């Protein structure tokens, strides 16, 4: 486990949700994240739509959607796909996988 680093979320994230000028700065963070000394960076986001999901998608190459075969998990898929399509306009290389 010496090669695994886990970084927790931060209470500051709530403040980021309110920042209207943030999208431009977040897009610039992609190169900084890619410069980190890790082979993989995994963003574990909450199961709800919003900026906390869209932002990591801007920085990612792959998104893995874990969907359970039940009504509550599948009813939000249209909104999820709409959000992903919006992000893919900026991050054209984003691939989506289901598990």
N, C-alpha and C. Protein backbone atom coordinates (compact mmCIF):
# COMPACT_ATOMS: atom_id res chain seq x y z
N UNK A 1 0.81 -1.20 0.00
CA UNK A 1 0.00 0.00 0.00
C UNK A 1 0.85 1.26 0.00
N UNK A 2 2.15 1.14 -0.06
CA UNK A 2 3.00 2.32 -0.08
C UNK A 2 2.81 3.15 -1.35
N UNK A 3 2.23 2.55 -2.37
CA UNK A 3 2.07 3.25 -3.64
C UNK A 3 0.67 3.83 -3.81
N UNK A 4 -0.15 3.78 -2.79
CA UNK A 4 -1.51 4.28 -2.86
C UNK A 4 -1.65 5.50 -1.97
N UNK A 5 -2.18 6.57 -2.53
CA UNK A 5 -2.44 7.80 -1.77
C UNK A 5 -3.92 8.10 -1.88
N UNK A 6 -4.56 8.36 -0.74
CA UNK A 6 -5.97 8.70 -0.72
C UNK A 6 -6.10 10.11 -0.18
N UNK A 7 -6.71 10.98 -0.96
CA UNK A 7 -6.94 12.35 -0.55
C UNK A 7 -8.43 12.55 -0.35
N UNK A 8 -8.81 13.13 0.74
CA UNK A 8 -10.23 13.29 1.04
C UNK A 8 -10.76 14.57 0.41
N UNK A 9 -12.08 14.63 0.29
CA UNK A 9 -12.73 15.85 -0.14
C UNK A 9 -12.56 16.90 0.94
N UNK A 10 -12.98 18.07 0.67
CA UNK A 10 -12.72 19.18 1.57
C UNK A 10 -13.99 20.00 1.75
N UNK A 11 -14.18 20.58 2.92
CA UNK A 11 -15.36 21.41 3.16
C UNK A 11 -15.36 22.63 2.25
N UNK A 12 -14.21 23.00 1.71
CA UNK A 12 -14.11 24.13 0.79
C UNK A 12 -14.90 23.87 -0.50
N UNK A 13 -15.20 22.63 -0.80
CA UNK A 13 -15.93 22.30 -2.02
C UNK A 13 -17.28 23.02 -2.10
N UNK A 14 -17.94 23.21 -0.98
CA UNK A 14 -19.22 23.93 -0.98
C UNK A 14 -19.06 25.34 -1.51
N UNK A 15 -17.96 25.98 -1.17
CA UNK A 15 -17.70 27.34 -1.65
C UNK A 15 -17.44 27.33 -3.16
N UNK A 16 -16.78 26.30 -3.65
CA UNK A 16 -16.51 26.20 -5.08
C UNK A 16 -17.80 26.07 -5.88
N UNK A 17 -18.80 25.43 -5.29
CA UNK A 17 -20.08 25.26 -5.98
C UNK A 17 -20.73 26.60 -6.29
N UNK A 18 -20.46 27.63 -5.51
CA UNK A 18 -21.08 28.94 -5.67
C UNK A 18 -20.32 29.86 -6.62
N UNK A 19 -19.10 29.52 -6.99
CA UNK A 19 -18.23 30.39 -7.79
C UNK A 19 -18.63 30.32 -9.27
N UNK A 20 -19.18 31.40 -9.82
CA UNK A 20 -19.66 31.43 -11.21
C UNK A 20 -18.51 31.51 -12.22
N UNK A 21 -17.36 32.05 -11.84
CA UNK A 21 -16.23 32.19 -12.75
C UNK A 21 -15.34 30.96 -12.75
N UNK A 22 -15.72 29.96 -12.01
CA UNK A 22 -14.87 28.79 -11.81
C UNK A 22 -14.65 27.92 -13.04
N UNK A 23 -15.60 27.76 -13.96
CA UNK A 23 -15.37 26.82 -15.07
C UNK A 23 -14.09 27.06 -15.86
N UNK A 24 -13.74 28.30 -16.10
CA UNK A 24 -12.51 28.58 -16.84
C UNK A 24 -11.28 28.14 -16.05
N UNK A 25 -11.28 28.38 -14.76
CA UNK A 25 -10.15 27.98 -13.93
C UNK A 25 -10.08 26.45 -13.80
N UNK A 26 -11.23 25.80 -13.77
CA UNK A 26 -11.24 24.34 -13.64
C UNK A 26 -10.69 23.66 -14.87
N UNK A 27 -10.98 24.20 -16.04
CA UNK A 27 -10.44 23.63 -17.27
C UNK A 27 -8.92 23.72 -17.27
N UNK A 28 -8.38 24.78 -16.72
CA UNK A 28 -6.93 24.95 -16.65
C UNK A 28 -6.28 23.97 -15.68
N UNK A 29 -7.04 23.46 -14.73
CA UNK A 29 -6.49 22.50 -13.76
C UNK A 29 -6.16 21.15 -14.38
N UNK A 30 -6.72 20.85 -15.55
CA UNK A 30 -6.48 19.55 -16.19
C UNK A 30 -4.98 19.28 -16.35
N UNK A 31 -4.23 20.25 -16.82
CA UNK A 31 -2.79 20.03 -17.02
C UNK A 31 -2.07 19.83 -15.68
N UNK A 32 -2.54 20.52 -14.64
CA UNK A 32 -1.92 20.35 -13.32
C UNK A 32 -2.21 18.96 -12.77
N UNK A 33 -3.41 18.47 -12.97
CA UNK A 33 -3.76 17.13 -12.50
C UNK A 33 -2.95 16.09 -13.26
N UNK A 34 -2.80 16.29 -14.56
CA UNK A 34 -2.03 15.34 -15.36
C UNK A 34 -0.55 15.35 -15.00
N UNK A 35 -0.07 16.42 -14.39
CA UNK A 35 1.34 16.51 -13.99
C UNK A 35 1.61 15.86 -12.64
N UNK A 36 0.56 15.42 -11.95
CA UNK A 36 0.76 14.76 -10.67
C UNK A 36 1.56 13.47 -10.86
N UNK A 37 2.36 13.08 -9.88
CA UNK A 37 3.23 11.91 -10.04
C UNK A 37 2.51 10.58 -9.77
N UNK A 38 1.36 10.38 -10.42
CA UNK A 38 0.58 9.16 -10.24
C UNK A 38 0.25 8.56 -11.59
N UNK A 39 0.13 7.24 -11.63
CA UNK A 39 -0.30 6.56 -12.85
C UNK A 39 -1.79 6.76 -13.06
N UNK A 40 -2.55 6.77 -11.97
CA UNK A 40 -4.00 6.91 -12.03
C UNK A 40 -4.47 7.88 -10.96
N UNK A 41 -5.45 8.68 -11.30
CA UNK A 41 -6.13 9.54 -10.33
C UNK A 41 -7.61 9.21 -10.45
N UNK A 42 -8.22 8.83 -9.35
CA UNK A 42 -9.62 8.42 -9.35
C UNK A 42 -10.43 9.44 -8.56
N UNK A 43 -11.47 9.97 -9.20
CA UNK A 43 -12.39 10.88 -8.54
C UNK A 43 -13.66 10.11 -8.24
N UNK A 44 -13.99 10.00 -6.99
CA UNK A 44 -15.21 9.32 -6.58
C UNK A 44 -16.22 10.42 -6.23
N UNK A 45 -17.24 10.55 -7.06
CA UNK A 45 -18.19 11.64 -6.90
C UNK A 45 -19.50 11.15 -6.30
N UNK A 46 -20.29 12.07 -5.77
CA UNK A 46 -21.59 11.68 -5.21
C UNK A 46 -22.55 11.23 -6.31
N UNK A 47 -23.55 10.42 -5.98
CA UNK A 47 -24.49 9.94 -7.00
C UNK A 47 -25.60 10.95 -7.28
N UNK A 48 -25.20 12.14 -7.67
CA UNK A 48 -26.17 13.19 -8.00
C UNK A 48 -25.53 14.10 -9.04
N UNK A 49 -26.36 14.74 -9.84
CA UNK A 49 -25.83 15.65 -10.84
C UNK A 49 -25.42 16.96 -10.20
N UNK A 50 -24.53 17.64 -10.85
CA UNK A 50 -24.11 18.94 -10.36
C UNK A 50 -22.63 19.17 -10.63
N UNK A 51 -22.13 20.28 -10.15
CA UNK A 51 -20.74 20.64 -10.45
C UNK A 51 -19.71 19.67 -9.90
N UNK A 52 -20.02 18.98 -8.84
CA UNK A 52 -19.04 18.05 -8.28
C UNK A 52 -18.85 16.81 -9.14
N UNK A 53 -19.74 16.58 -10.05
CA UNK A 53 -19.55 15.49 -11.02
C UNK A 53 -18.97 16.05 -12.31
N UNK A 54 -19.49 17.16 -12.77
CA UNK A 54 -19.05 17.73 -14.04
C UNK A 54 -17.57 18.12 -14.00
N UNK A 55 -17.12 18.67 -12.91
CA UNK A 55 -15.73 19.13 -12.84
C UNK A 55 -14.73 18.00 -13.01
N UNK A 56 -14.83 16.91 -12.26
CA UNK A 56 -13.87 15.83 -12.50
C UNK A 56 -13.97 15.25 -13.91
N UNK A 57 -15.15 15.28 -14.52
CA UNK A 57 -15.27 14.79 -15.89
C UNK A 57 -14.46 15.65 -16.87
N UNK A 58 -14.31 16.93 -16.56
CA UNK A 58 -13.47 17.80 -17.39
C UNK A 58 -12.01 17.36 -17.36
N UNK A 59 -11.59 16.78 -16.26
CA UNK A 59 -10.19 16.41 -16.08
C UNK A 59 -9.90 14.96 -16.45
N UNK A 60 -10.90 14.17 -16.75
CA UNK A 60 -10.75 12.72 -16.88
C UNK A 60 -10.66 12.25 -18.31
N UNK A 61 -10.08 11.07 -18.47
CA UNK A 61 -10.07 10.36 -19.75
C UNK A 61 -11.21 9.36 -19.82
N UNK A 62 -11.56 8.79 -18.67
CA UNK A 62 -12.57 7.74 -18.59
C UNK A 62 -13.50 8.02 -17.42
N UNK A 63 -14.78 7.82 -17.64
CA UNK A 63 -15.77 7.86 -16.57
C UNK A 63 -16.42 6.49 -16.49
N UNK A 64 -16.49 5.96 -15.30
CA UNK A 64 -17.14 4.66 -15.09
C UNK A 64 -18.41 4.93 -14.30
N UNK A 65 -19.53 4.58 -14.90
CA UNK A 65 -20.83 4.76 -14.24
C UNK A 65 -21.26 3.44 -13.64
N UNK A 66 -21.41 3.43 -12.35
CA UNK A 66 -21.89 2.23 -11.66
C UNK A 66 -23.40 2.39 -11.49
N UNK A 67 -24.15 1.57 -12.21
CA UNK A 67 -25.61 1.68 -12.19
C UNK A 67 -26.20 0.36 -11.71
N UNK A 68 -27.02 0.45 -10.69
CA UNK A 68 -27.70 -0.73 -10.21
C UNK A 68 -29.01 -0.90 -10.98
N UNK A 69 -29.42 -2.13 -11.24
CA UNK A 69 -30.64 -2.35 -12.02
C UNK A 69 -31.90 -2.16 -11.17
N UNK A 70 -32.13 -0.93 -10.76
CA UNK A 70 -33.36 -0.63 -10.03
C UNK A 70 -33.89 0.73 -10.50
N UNK A 71 -35.11 1.02 -10.18
CA UNK A 71 -35.77 2.21 -10.68
C UNK A 71 -35.07 3.49 -10.28
N UNK A 72 -34.66 3.61 -9.03
CA UNK A 72 -34.03 4.86 -8.59
C UNK A 72 -32.70 5.11 -9.27
N UNK A 73 -31.96 4.07 -9.61
CA UNK A 73 -30.68 4.23 -10.30
C UNK A 73 -30.85 4.57 -11.77
N UNK A 74 -31.87 4.04 -12.39
CA UNK A 74 -32.02 4.23 -13.84
C UNK A 74 -32.82 5.47 -14.22
N UNK A 75 -33.62 6.01 -13.31
CA UNK A 75 -34.44 7.17 -13.67
C UNK A 75 -33.62 8.42 -13.95
N UNK A 76 -32.46 8.53 -13.36
CA UNK A 76 -31.63 9.72 -13.59
C UNK A 76 -30.65 9.60 -14.73
N UNK A 77 -30.69 8.49 -15.47
CA UNK A 77 -29.70 8.28 -16.53
C UNK A 77 -29.81 9.32 -17.65
N UNK A 78 -31.01 9.74 -18.03
CA UNK A 78 -31.15 10.75 -19.08
C UNK A 78 -30.43 12.03 -18.69
N UNK A 79 -30.64 12.47 -17.46
CA UNK A 79 -29.96 13.68 -16.98
C UNK A 79 -28.45 13.48 -16.91
N UNK A 80 -28.04 12.29 -16.51
CA UNK A 80 -26.61 11.98 -16.44
C UNK A 80 -25.99 12.04 -17.83
N UNK A 81 -26.66 11.44 -18.82
CA UNK A 81 -26.14 11.47 -20.19
C UNK A 81 -26.10 12.89 -20.74
N UNK A 82 -27.09 13.70 -20.41
CA UNK A 82 -27.08 15.10 -20.84
C UNK A 82 -25.88 15.83 -20.25
N UNK A 83 -25.60 15.60 -18.98
CA UNK A 83 -24.45 16.23 -18.32
C UNK A 83 -23.14 15.78 -18.97
N UNK A 84 -23.05 14.49 -19.26
CA UNK A 84 -21.84 13.95 -19.88
C UNK A 84 -21.66 14.55 -21.28
N UNK A 85 -22.73 14.64 -22.05
CA UNK A 85 -22.63 15.23 -23.39
C UNK A 85 -22.16 16.68 -23.31
N UNK A 86 -22.63 17.41 -22.30
CA UNK A 86 -22.19 18.78 -22.12
C UNK A 86 -20.70 18.85 -21.83
N UNK A 87 -20.21 17.96 -20.99
CA UNK A 87 -18.79 17.93 -20.67
C UNK A 87 -17.97 17.50 -21.88
N UNK A 88 -18.50 16.56 -22.67
CA UNK A 88 -17.76 16.08 -23.83
C UNK A 88 -17.59 17.15 -24.91
N UNK A 89 -18.37 18.22 -24.86
CA UNK A 89 -18.13 19.34 -25.78
C UNK A 89 -16.80 20.02 -25.48
N UNK A 90 -16.40 19.96 -24.21
CA UNK A 90 -15.13 20.56 -23.80
C UNK A 90 -14.03 19.49 -23.75
N UNK A 91 -14.33 18.35 -23.16
CA UNK A 91 -13.38 17.24 -23.05
C UNK A 91 -13.78 16.17 -24.05
N UNK A 92 -13.36 16.36 -25.29
CA UNK A 92 -13.79 15.48 -26.39
C UNK A 92 -13.29 14.05 -26.27
N UNK A 93 -12.24 13.82 -25.50
CA UNK A 93 -11.68 12.47 -25.36
C UNK A 93 -12.29 11.65 -24.24
N UNK A 94 -13.28 12.18 -23.55
CA UNK A 94 -13.88 11.48 -22.42
C UNK A 94 -14.64 10.24 -22.89
N UNK A 95 -14.23 9.08 -22.38
CA UNK A 95 -14.90 7.81 -22.69
C UNK A 95 -15.78 7.42 -21.50
N UNK A 96 -16.90 6.79 -21.78
CA UNK A 96 -17.84 6.39 -20.75
C UNK A 96 -17.99 4.86 -20.74
N UNK A 97 -17.91 4.28 -19.55
CA UNK A 97 -18.10 2.85 -19.37
C UNK A 97 -19.13 2.62 -18.28
N UNK A 98 -19.89 1.54 -18.42
CA UNK A 98 -20.89 1.15 -17.41
C UNK A 98 -20.42 -0.08 -16.67
N UNK A 99 -20.69 -0.12 -15.40
CA UNK A 99 -20.40 -1.29 -14.57
C UNK A 99 -21.59 -1.60 -13.75
